[in-house]
Amino acid sequence: MTGAPSAGECDRLAIMHVDMDCFFAAVEALDDPLLKGRPLVVGGMGGRGVVCSASYEARAFGVSSTMPTAQARSRCPDAVFVAPRHARYRELSRQIRAVMDGFTPLIEPVSLDEAYLDVSGGRRLLGEGAAIAIALRRRIGEELQLTCSVGVGRTKLIAKLASEAAKPRVGRPGEPPSPGHGVVVVPVERELDFLRPHPVRALPGVGPASARELRRFGVSTVGDLAAVPLESLVRFFGVAQGTNLHELASGRDSRRVEPERATRSIGHEETFAVDLRERAELVRRAEAMARAVAARLSEAGLAGRTVTLKVRSGDFSTRTRSSTLRRAEHQPQLIAEVVVELAKEVSLAGGVRLLGVHLSGLVELDASRPWQLDLFGGAEPTGRAAARDAAAASVRERFGSAAISVGGDSTPTASGARDFLGALSRLAEVRDDEGPAGTGAGRSRAEQARSQPRKG
């Protein structure tokens, strides 16, 4: 799969997907060499904190992004836990972008640590796609001391899957990861052989619920999905999504690299197998979605001002309720509280078939905004917990991450498997998760971590 393409293929192998390896964790280890090679978890430090990033050493213990921090501590009690530093990640993301600019102007950022590139215009000067990928990866390593994985292919889908195939492999607990290929090129004539064995979850638009339902019908891989008649996919997913999945599963992807594509909104929607009829369950689901959307906002380096709750009833009628904040926010607690208030006003007559939370009015996250503005500038009544978190962040920033902890309600329990049967996939996802920025001035991150209590 990494073999050199023929001359005729060079014109077509011009799409690259660049994905930094464990970006947040790698940045922390870059700034504090004592953290290198150790199980390292970056995430929210409070009772409701969520993992943003985990080193490969921590992943060996089953720690993964979006996992509650408390669960990560249970799986890997000897890991070093540090709060995320959003401003630092944005700084390095801009430097990575500057390196990419030296190879092509056609760059589509996906998040702080991920982007698509179209290098078709640079082949005469820089060589074919594979050579450009190798040179780009080398330059990022030399200039920034960070590693990335690069996939090269004819389409965005193939390039994305190729970059995943290029990544290091998690080892067994206590062992270092196995080095990856770094760069994987998928020749045109081998696209289908490369694509078909992938699980259906590899396709954009297939979430865990849809994958689970498809498995009931014997569809587990992309190859299985490609064999399903288009008419059946349209009945299951609807015209737009069903047609799109049929095309992708067949290796056809017409999406172009869109430079500087503006993100208009970030959201999360879920269709339930059984209509929701209990207020408490509706509120619980809405709050969980709000926290997931807020996490993706932070991951994308954005904040949103308009919070929208979308509700589709059992009769397929759709209603939305919105609330516009005084200013753009990304704090999970504040956004969750606004969504909960909106959910309390929803009519349950006829049940709730679909629920969605969206943030719009997006702006770049101003990581330098003083926390005191929330604390002393008159936070909204629904933002008391956000102000509390802001005060705690200020204390951690001055005295270290172990200086204070914030109490909170326990994370809601997961619903039963029945809630997933027949559910369609999540629609409009952006990526993982991130908490409020914080840094322990005057001490290394490892020193902060050593002062934290450990289980066992």
Protein backbone atom coordinates (compact mmCIF):
# COMPACT_ATOMS: atom_id res chain seq x y z
CA MET A 1 0.00 0.00 0.00
CA THR A 2 2.98 2.29 0.42
CA GLY A 3 4.48 1.44 -2.98
CA ALA A 4 5.27 4.20 -5.45
CA PRO A 5 2.38 5.03 -7.81
CA SER A 6 2.78 4.87 -11.55
CA ALA A 7 3.35 8.02 -13.59
CA GLY A 8 -0.26 8.08 -14.70
CA GLU A 9 -1.51 7.95 -11.12
CA CYS A 10 0.54 10.92 -9.94
CA ASP A 11 -1.98 13.33 -11.42
CA ARG A 12 -4.73 11.75 -9.36
CA LEU A 13 -2.98 11.07 -6.05
CA ALA A 14 -3.05 14.69 -4.98
CA ILE A 15 -5.27 14.67 -1.87
CA MET A 16 -3.54 14.46 1.50
CA HIS A 17 -4.93 14.13 5.01
CA VAL A 18 -2.56 15.26 7.74
CA ASP A 19 -3.35 14.25 11.33
CA MET A 20 -1.08 15.12 14.25
CA ASP A 21 -0.33 12.20 16.58
CA CYS A 22 -1.95 12.62 20.04
CA PHE A 23 -1.62 16.36 19.52
CA PHE A 24 -2.55 17.79 22.92
CA ALA A 25 -0.61 15.12 24.80
CA ALA A 26 2.35 15.50 22.44
CA VAL A 27 2.45 19.25 23.06
CA GLU A 28 2.49 18.72 26.82
CA ALA A 29 5.38 16.26 26.48
CA LEU A 30 7.18 18.68 24.17
CA ASP A 31 6.99 21.46 26.75
CA ASP A 32 7.86 19.18 29.67
CA PRO A 33 10.29 16.41 28.61
CA LEU A 34 9.71 14.63 31.94
CA LEU A 35 6.33 13.58 30.55
CA LYS A 36 7.73 11.80 27.49
CA GLY A 37 7.11 8.07 27.45
CA ARG A 38 4.71 8.22 30.39
CA PRO A 39 0.96 7.53 30.34
CA LEU A 40 -0.34 11.08 29.89
CA VAL A 41 -3.94 12.29 29.88
CA VAL A 42 -5.05 15.80 28.96
CA GLY A 43 -8.56 16.70 30.07
CA GLY A 44 -10.92 18.43 32.46
CA MET A 45 -9.81 18.04 36.05
CA GLY A 46 -13.19 18.43 37.77
CA GLY A 47 -15.73 15.80 38.72
CA ARG A 48 -17.32 16.04 35.29
CA GLY A 49 -14.09 16.40 33.32
CA VAL A 50 -13.65 14.63 30.01
CA VAL A 51 -10.48 13.34 28.35
CA CYS A 52 -9.34 15.56 25.45
CA SER A 53 -6.25 13.60 24.46
CA ALA A 54 -4.26 10.64 25.70
CA SER A 55 -0.74 9.50 24.86
CA TYR A 56 -0.27 6.09 23.28
CA GLU A 57 1.11 4.86 26.61
CA ALA A 58 -2.20 5.81 28.28
CA ARG A 59 -4.26 4.38 25.44
CA ALA A 60 -2.67 1.01 26.13
CA PHE A 61 -4.71 0.98 29.37
CA GLY A 62 -7.95 1.68 27.51
CA VAL A 63 -8.01 5.46 27.97
CA SER A 64 -9.57 7.30 25.04
CA SER A 65 -10.82 10.74 24.06
CA THR A 66 -14.30 11.80 25.32
CA MET A 67 -13.99 9.31 28.20
CA PRO A 68 -14.88 10.79 31.62
CA THR A 69 -11.69 11.71 33.45
CA ALA A 70 -12.80 9.73 36.49
CA GLN A 71 -13.04 6.60 34.34
CA ALA A 72 -9.61 7.30 32.87
CA ARG A 73 -8.14 7.55 36.38
CA SER A 74 -9.71 4.23 37.25
CA ARG A 75 -8.24 2.53 34.16
CA CYS A 76 -4.81 4.08 34.49
CA PRO A 77 -4.24 5.38 38.05
CA ASP A 78 -0.52 5.92 37.43
CA ALA A 79 -1.10 8.23 34.48
CA VAL A 80 -0.14 11.90 34.61
CA PHE A 81 -3.26 14.07 34.36
CA VAL A 82 -2.94 17.67 33.19
CA ALA A 83 -5.45 20.36 32.32
CA PRO A 84 -5.54 21.47 28.67
CA ARG A 85 -3.82 24.68 27.55
CA HIS A 86 -5.90 25.82 24.64
CA ALA A 87 -3.82 28.89 23.81
CA ARG A 88 -0.67 26.79 23.48
CA TYR A 89 -2.36 24.29 21.16
CA ARG A 90 -3.64 27.09 18.97
CA GLU A 91 -0.15 28.58 18.83
CA LEU A 92 1.37 25.34 17.58
CA SER A 93 -1.57 24.74 15.24
CA ARG A 94 -0.77 28.05 13.55
CA GLN A 95 2.87 26.98 13.20
CA ILE A 96 1.80 23.68 11.65
CA ARG A 97 -0.39 25.61 9.23
CA ALA A 98 2.58 27.81 8.32
CA VAL A 99 4.55 24.70 7.36
CA MET A 100 1.64 23.44 5.24
CA ASP A 101 1.43 26.80 3.49
CA GLY A 102 4.91 26.14 2.13
CA PHE A 103 3.56 23.20 0.13
CA THR A 104 0.13 24.33 -1.10
CA PRO A 105 -2.42 27.12 -0.60
CA LEU A 106 -5.28 24.60 -0.88
CA ILE A 107 -5.69 23.66 2.78
CA GLU A 108 -8.96 22.72 4.48
CA PRO A 109 -8.58 22.76 8.28
CA VAL A 110 -10.71 20.20 10.08
CA SER A 111 -9.58 20.98 13.62
CA LEU A 112 -6.51 22.28 15.41
CA ASP A 113 -4.56 19.13 14.57
CA GLU A 114 -6.05 17.91 11.30
CA ALA A 115 -6.35 19.17 7.72
CA TYR A 116 -6.88 18.13 4.12
CA LEU A 117 -4.47 19.38 1.45
CA ASP A 118 -4.75 19.43 -2.33
CA VAL A 119 -1.18 19.36 -3.68
CA SER A 120 -2.05 18.96 -7.37
CA GLY A 121 -0.61 22.39 -8.17
CA GLY A 122 2.78 21.69 -6.61
CA ARG A 123 3.77 18.50 -8.36
CA ARG A 124 6.08 20.07 -10.94
CA LEU A 125 8.05 21.90 -8.28
CA LEU A 126 7.82 19.52 -5.33
CA GLY A 127 7.20 16.10 -6.88
CA GLU A 128 4.22 13.76 -6.73
CA GLY A 129 1.91 13.37 -3.75
CA ALA A 130 3.91 10.71 -1.92
CA ALA A 131 7.11 12.77 -2.06
CA ILE A 132 5.29 15.87 -0.86
CA ALA A 133 3.78 13.95 2.06
CA ILE A 134 7.18 12.65 3.14
CA ALA A 135 8.73 16.12 2.88
CA LEU A 136 5.87 17.75 4.82
CA ARG A 137 6.03 15.20 7.62
CA ARG A 138 9.81 15.59 7.85
CA ARG A 139 9.60 19.38 8.03
CA ILE A 140 6.97 19.35 10.78
CA GLY A 141 9.20 17.01 12.77
CA GLU A 142 12.33 19.07 12.25
CA GLU A 143 10.80 22.50 12.89
CA LEU A 144 8.27 21.69 15.62
CA GLN A 145 9.50 18.39 17.11
CA LEU A 146 6.03 16.90 16.66
CA THR A 147 4.96 13.87 14.64
CA CYS A 148 2.05 13.49 12.26
CA SER A 149 0.54 10.80 10.09
CA VAL A 150 -0.19 11.50 6.43
CA GLY A 151 -2.48 9.69 4.03
CA VAL A 152 -2.33 10.20 0.26
CA GLY A 153 -5.03 9.19 -2.19
CA ARG A 154 -7.33 10.19 -4.98
CA THR A 155 -10.19 11.26 -2.66
CA LYS A 156 -10.68 12.74 0.78
CA LEU A 157 -12.15 9.48 2.08
CA ILE A 158 -9.17 7.41 0.97
CA ALA A 159 -6.68 10.00 2.25
CA LYS A 160 -8.40 10.07 5.65
CA LEU A 161 -8.37 6.30 6.04
CA ALA A 162 -4.77 6.16 4.80
CA SER A 163 -3.63 8.60 7.49
CA GLU A 164 -5.23 6.38 10.12
CA ALA A 165 -3.38 3.41 8.66
CA ALA A 166 -0.15 5.40 8.93
CA LYS A 167 -0.45 6.02 12.67
CA PRO A 168 1.55 4.33 15.44
CA ARG A 169 -0.04 1.27 17.01
CA VAL A 170 -0.91 1.07 20.68
CA GLY A 171 1.18 -1.49 22.53
CA ARG A 172 0.39 -3.55 25.57
CA PRO A 173 0.12 -1.81 28.96
CA GLY A 174 3.56 -0.68 30.07
CA GLU A 175 5.07 -1.03 26.60
CA PRO A 176 5.81 1.74 24.08
CA PRO A 177 3.70 2.01 20.94
CA SER A 178 4.82 0.41 17.72
CA PRO A 179 5.99 2.99 15.14
CA GLY A 180 3.59 3.54 12.27
CA HIS A 181 4.37 3.98 8.59
CA GLY A 182 4.12 7.76 8.94
CA VAL A 183 2.95 8.06 5.33
CA VAL A 184 0.57 5.68 3.54
CA VAL A 185 -0.21 6.04 -0.18
CA VAL A 186 -3.17 4.18 -1.68
CA PRO A 187 -2.77 3.62 -5.44
CA VAL A 188 -5.92 4.05 -7.51
CA GLU A 189 -6.13 0.41 -8.60
CA ARG A 190 -6.00 -0.73 -4.96
CA GLU A 191 -8.60 1.67 -3.57
CA LEU A 192 -11.42 -0.84 -3.29
CA ASP A 193 -9.17 -3.53 -1.81
CA PHE A 194 -8.07 -0.97 0.79
CA LEU A 195 -11.56 0.39 1.46
CA ARG A 196 -13.74 -2.72 1.65
CA PRO A 197 -12.31 -4.35 4.82
CA HIS A 198 -12.86 -1.18 6.89
CA PRO A 199 -15.77 -1.24 9.36
CA VAL A 200 -18.83 0.73 8.26
CA ARG A 201 -18.05 3.22 11.05
CA ALA A 202 -15.14 4.39 8.89
CA LEU A 203 -17.59 6.13 6.57
CA PRO A 204 -18.71 9.67 7.47
CA GLY A 205 -22.39 9.59 8.40
CA VAL A 206 -22.35 6.15 10.05
CA GLY A 207 -22.43 6.52 13.81
CA PRO A 208 -22.40 3.83 16.49
CA ALA A 209 -26.17 3.42 16.51
CA SER A 210 -26.45 2.99 12.75
CA ALA A 211 -23.48 0.60 12.72
CA ARG A 212 -25.12 -1.48 15.44
CA GLU A 213 -28.39 -1.63 13.51
CA LEU A 214 -26.62 -2.48 10.24
CA ARG A 215 -24.84 -5.38 11.94
CA ARG A 216 -28.26 -6.88 12.67
CA PHE A 217 -28.66 -7.22 8.91
CA GLY A 218 -25.20 -8.68 8.37
CA VAL A 219 -23.56 -5.42 7.28
CA SER A 220 -20.30 -4.92 9.17
CA THR A 221 -17.77 -3.71 6.63
CA VAL A 222 -17.69 -1.14 3.85
CA GLY A 223 -17.63 -4.02 1.40
CA ASP A 224 -20.84 -5.39 2.91
CA LEU A 225 -22.44 -1.95 2.61
CA ALA A 226 -21.37 -1.61 -1.03
CA ALA A 227 -23.31 -4.78 -1.80
CA VAL A 228 -26.56 -3.38 -0.38
CA PRO A 229 -28.89 -2.05 -3.10
CA LEU A 230 -29.21 1.71 -3.24
CA GLU A 231 -32.97 1.46 -2.72
CA SER A 232 -32.48 -0.32 0.60
CA LEU A 233 -30.01 2.30 1.84
CA VAL A 234 -32.40 5.08 0.87
CA ARG A 235 -35.20 3.42 2.84
CA PHE A 236 -32.94 3.04 5.88
CA PHE A 237 -31.08 6.38 5.85
CA GLY A 238 -33.19 8.64 3.66
CA VAL A 239 -32.46 9.85 0.14
CA ALA A 240 -29.53 12.19 0.81
CA GLN A 241 -27.60 10.09 3.32
CA GLY A 242 -28.45 6.77 1.71
CA THR A 243 -27.23 7.92 -1.69
CA ASN A 244 -24.08 9.44 -0.19
CA LEU A 245 -23.19 6.26 1.69
CA HIS A 246 -23.76 4.15 -1.41
CA GLU A 247 -21.33 6.36 -3.32
CA LEU A 248 -18.68 6.33 -0.58
CA ALA A 249 -18.92 2.57 -0.05
CA SER A 250 -18.36 2.15 -3.79
CA GLY A 251 -15.21 4.29 -3.65
CA ARG A 252 -16.78 7.40 -5.18
CA ASP A 253 -16.15 10.60 -3.26
CA SER A 254 -16.70 13.90 -5.07
CA ARG A 255 -15.89 16.13 -2.10
CA ARG A 256 -13.22 18.71 -2.87
CA VAL A 257 -10.69 20.27 -0.55
CA GLU A 258 -12.32 23.55 0.47
CA PRO A 259 -9.74 26.11 1.66
CA GLU A 260 -10.76 28.16 4.69
CA ARG A 261 -14.22 26.68 4.79
CA ALA A 262 -16.13 28.54 7.46
CA THR A 263 -17.95 26.44 10.05
CA ARG A 264 -21.44 27.88 10.43
CA SER A 265 -22.62 25.67 13.28
CA ILE A 266 -21.65 22.69 15.36
CA GLY A 267 -24.22 20.25 16.60
CA HIS A 268 -25.26 16.78 17.60
CA GLU A 269 -28.52 15.02 16.78
CA GLU A 270 -29.85 11.64 17.78
CA THR A 271 -32.88 9.66 16.64
CA PHE A 272 -34.29 7.30 19.27
CA ALA A 273 -35.62 3.81 18.68
CA VAL A 274 -38.35 4.49 21.25
CA ASP A 275 -39.88 7.96 21.53
CA LEU A 276 -38.96 9.80 24.72
CA ARG A 277 -41.96 10.58 26.91
CA GLU A 278 -40.41 11.30 30.30
CA ARG A 279 -39.24 14.83 31.10
CA ALA A 280 -36.30 13.67 33.19
CA GLU A 281 -35.00 11.46 30.37
CA LEU A 282 -35.39 14.26 27.83
CA VAL A 283 -33.48 16.68 30.04
CA ARG A 284 -30.74 14.12 30.70
CA ARG A 285 -30.27 13.45 26.99
CA ALA A 286 -30.29 17.14 26.11
CA GLU A 287 -27.67 17.93 28.76
CA ALA A 288 -25.37 15.14 27.57
CA MET A 289 -25.64 16.40 23.97
CA ALA A 290 -24.90 19.95 25.07
CA ARG A 291 -21.70 18.87 26.79
CA ALA A 292 -20.62 16.90 23.72
CA VAL A 293 -21.24 19.89 21.44
CA ALA A 294 -19.38 22.23 23.81
CA ALA A 295 -16.44 19.83 23.79
CA ARG A 296 -16.33 19.88 19.99
CA LEU A 297 -16.51 23.67 20.02
CA SER A 298 -13.38 23.85 22.12
CA GLU A 299 -11.63 21.22 20.01
CA ALA A 300 -12.32 23.34 16.93
CA GLY A 301 -11.10 26.49 18.70
CA LEU A 302 -14.55 28.10 18.53
CA ALA A 303 -17.22 29.57 20.77
CA GLY A 304 -20.92 29.92 19.99
CA ARG A 305 -23.51 32.54 20.86
CA THR A 306 -26.83 30.99 19.79
CA VAL A 307 -27.95 27.74 21.42
CA THR A 308 -30.65 25.82 19.57
CA LEU A 309 -32.61 22.78 20.71
CA LYS A 310 -34.23 20.80 17.90
CA VAL A 311 -37.11 18.44 18.65
CA ARG A 312 -38.90 16.11 16.24
CA SER A 313 -42.08 14.49 17.53
CA GLY A 314 -43.44 11.04 16.83
CA ASP A 315 -45.60 12.50 14.05
CA PHE A 316 -42.40 13.89 12.40
CA SER A 317 -43.28 17.50 13.12
CA THR A 318 -40.14 19.48 13.96
CA ARG A 319 -39.77 22.42 16.33
CA THR A 320 -36.77 24.42 17.47
CA ARG A 321 -36.14 26.61 20.50
CA SER A 322 -33.21 28.98 20.68
CA SER A 323 -31.49 31.18 23.22
CA THR A 324 -28.91 33.82 22.34
CA LEU A 325 -26.23 34.35 24.95
CA ARG A 326 -24.81 37.71 25.90
CA ARG A 327 -21.56 36.67 24.27
CA ALA A 328 -20.12 33.61 22.56
CA GLU A 329 -19.33 30.78 24.99
CA HIS A 330 -17.70 27.34 24.93
CA GLN A 331 -17.94 26.30 28.59
CA PRO A 332 -19.79 22.95 28.81
CA GLN A 333 -21.55 23.73 32.09
CA LEU A 334 -23.00 27.04 30.91
CA ILE A 335 -24.14 25.67 27.57
CA ALA A 336 -25.64 22.60 29.24
CA GLU A 337 -27.64 24.73 31.66
CA VAL A 338 -29.07 26.82 28.81
CA VAL A 339 -30.07 23.65 26.92
CA VAL A 340 -31.67 22.17 30.02
CA GLU A 341 -33.83 25.28 30.41
CA LEU A 342 -34.90 24.98 26.77
CA ALA A 343 -35.66 21.27 27.23
CA LYS A 344 -37.95 22.01 30.17
CA GLU A 345 -40.20 23.98 27.81
CA VAL A 346 -40.56 21.19 25.22
CA SER A 347 -43.96 19.60 24.83
CA LEU A 348 -43.90 15.84 25.27
CA ALA A 349 -47.24 15.31 23.55
CA GLY A 350 -46.74 12.59 20.97
CA GLY A 351 -43.27 11.76 22.29
CA VAL A 352 -39.86 12.91 21.09
CA ARG A 353 -38.41 10.98 18.17
CA LEU A 354 -35.31 13.10 17.52
CA LEU A 355 -33.36 15.50 19.70
CA GLY A 356 -30.59 17.82 18.61
CA VAL A 357 -28.40 20.54 20.10
CA HIS A 358 -26.68 23.10 17.89
CA LEU A 359 -24.41 26.09 18.52
CA SER A 360 -24.25 28.84 15.90
CA GLY A 361 -23.00 32.40 15.72
CA LEU A 362 -19.50 30.93 15.90
CA VAL A 363 -16.37 32.96 16.53
CA GLU A 364 -12.79 31.99 17.20
CA LEU A 365 -12.24 31.14 20.82
CA ASP A 366 -10.50 34.02 22.60
CA ALA A 367 -8.27 32.04 24.94
CA SER A 368 -6.85 35.26 26.36
CA ARG A 369 -10.19 36.52 27.68
CA PRO A 370 -9.81 37.10 31.42
CA TRP A 371 -11.68 34.54 33.49
CA GLN A 372 -12.63 37.37 35.85
CA LEU A 373 -15.11 38.67 33.27
CA ASP A 374 -17.28 35.66 34.00
CA LEU A 375 -16.69 35.79 37.73
CA PHE A 376 -17.10 39.50 38.43
CA GLY A 377 -18.73 40.79 35.28
CA GLY A 378 -22.18 39.45 36.02
CA ALA A 379 -22.58 35.94 34.66
CA GLU A 380 -26.10 34.97 33.67
CA PRO A 381 -28.19 33.32 36.41
CA THR A 382 -27.84 29.98 34.60
CA GLY A 383 -24.04 30.36 34.59
CA ARG A 384 -23.24 29.98 38.27
CA ALA A 385 -21.38 26.73 37.73
CA ALA A 386 -19.49 28.30 34.83
CA ALA A 387 -18.38 31.14 37.09
CA ARG A 388 -17.34 28.60 39.71
CA ASP A 389 -15.29 26.71 37.13
CA ALA A 390 -13.73 29.99 36.00
CA ALA A 391 -12.66 30.84 39.54
CA ALA A 392 -11.16 27.39 39.96
CA ALA A 393 -9.29 27.76 36.68
CA SER A 394 -7.80 31.05 37.85
CA VAL A 395 -6.54 29.41 41.04
CA ARG A 396 -5.02 26.51 39.09
CA GLU A 397 -3.36 28.91 36.67
CA ARG A 398 -1.60 30.68 39.50
CA PHE A 399 -0.89 27.88 41.96
CA GLY A 400 -0.97 24.67 39.89
CA SER A 401 -3.57 22.14 38.82
CA ALA A 402 -3.59 20.34 42.17
CA ALA A 403 -4.35 23.47 44.16
CA ILE A 404 -8.13 23.17 43.98
CA SER A 405 -10.82 20.71 42.96
CA VAL A 406 -14.40 21.44 42.08
CA GLY A 407 -17.27 19.26 43.18
CA GLY A 408 -20.16 18.36 40.94
CA ASP A 409 -22.93 15.95 40.33
CA SER A 410 -22.03 12.51 39.15
CA THR A 411 -22.09 11.83 35.45
CA PRO A 412 -25.50 10.52 34.33
CA THR A 413 -25.60 6.79 33.81
CA ALA A 414 -25.68 5.41 30.28
CA SER A 415 -29.02 4.30 28.91
CA GLY A 416 -29.79 0.74 28.01
CA ALA A 417 -29.07 -0.87 24.68
CA ARG A 418 -32.71 -0.46 23.69
CA ASP A 419 -32.12 3.26 23.18
CA PHE A 420 -29.73 2.49 20.34
CA LEU A 421 -31.69 -0.12 18.40
CA GLY A 422 -32.95 1.41 15.22
CA ALA A 423 -31.38 4.78 15.96
CA LEU A 424 -29.76 6.63 13.11
CA SER A 425 -26.29 8.04 13.24
CA ARG A 426 -25.23 11.31 14.70
CA LEU A 427 -25.50 14.10 12.16
CA ALA A 428 -23.04 17.14 12.16
CA GLU A 429 -20.08 16.10 14.22
CA VAL A 430 -16.82 18.05 14.48
CA ARG A 431 -14.51 16.05 16.85
CA ASP A 432 -13.49 15.18 20.32
CA ASP A 433 -13.36 17.33 23.32
CA GLU A 434 -11.61 19.91 25.39
CA GLY A 435 -12.04 21.65 28.72
CA PRO A 436 -11.10 25.12 30.04
CA ALA A 437 -7.53 26.21 29.62
CA GLY A 438 -5.23 26.13 32.60
CA THR A 439 -1.56 26.06 33.33
CA GLY A 440 0.45 25.72 36.49
CA ALA A 441 2.82 28.67 36.51
CA GLY A 442 6.21 28.14 38.07
CA ARG A 443 6.16 24.33 38.08
CA SER A 444 6.59 21.68 35.42
CA ARG A 445 3.53 19.67 34.40
CA ALA A 446 5.10 16.54 35.84
CA GLU A 447 5.65 18.26 39.18
CA GLN A 448 2.00 19.28 39.23
CA ALA A 449 0.93 15.73 38.45
CA ARG A 450 3.09 14.24 41.19
CA SER A 451 1.29 16.37 43.75
CA GLN A 452 -2.10 15.02 42.71
CA PRO A 453 -3.64 12.23 44.81
CA ARG A 454 -3.69 8.82 43.19
CA LYS A 455 -5.92 5.88 43.73
CA GLY A 456 -4.50 2.75 45.23
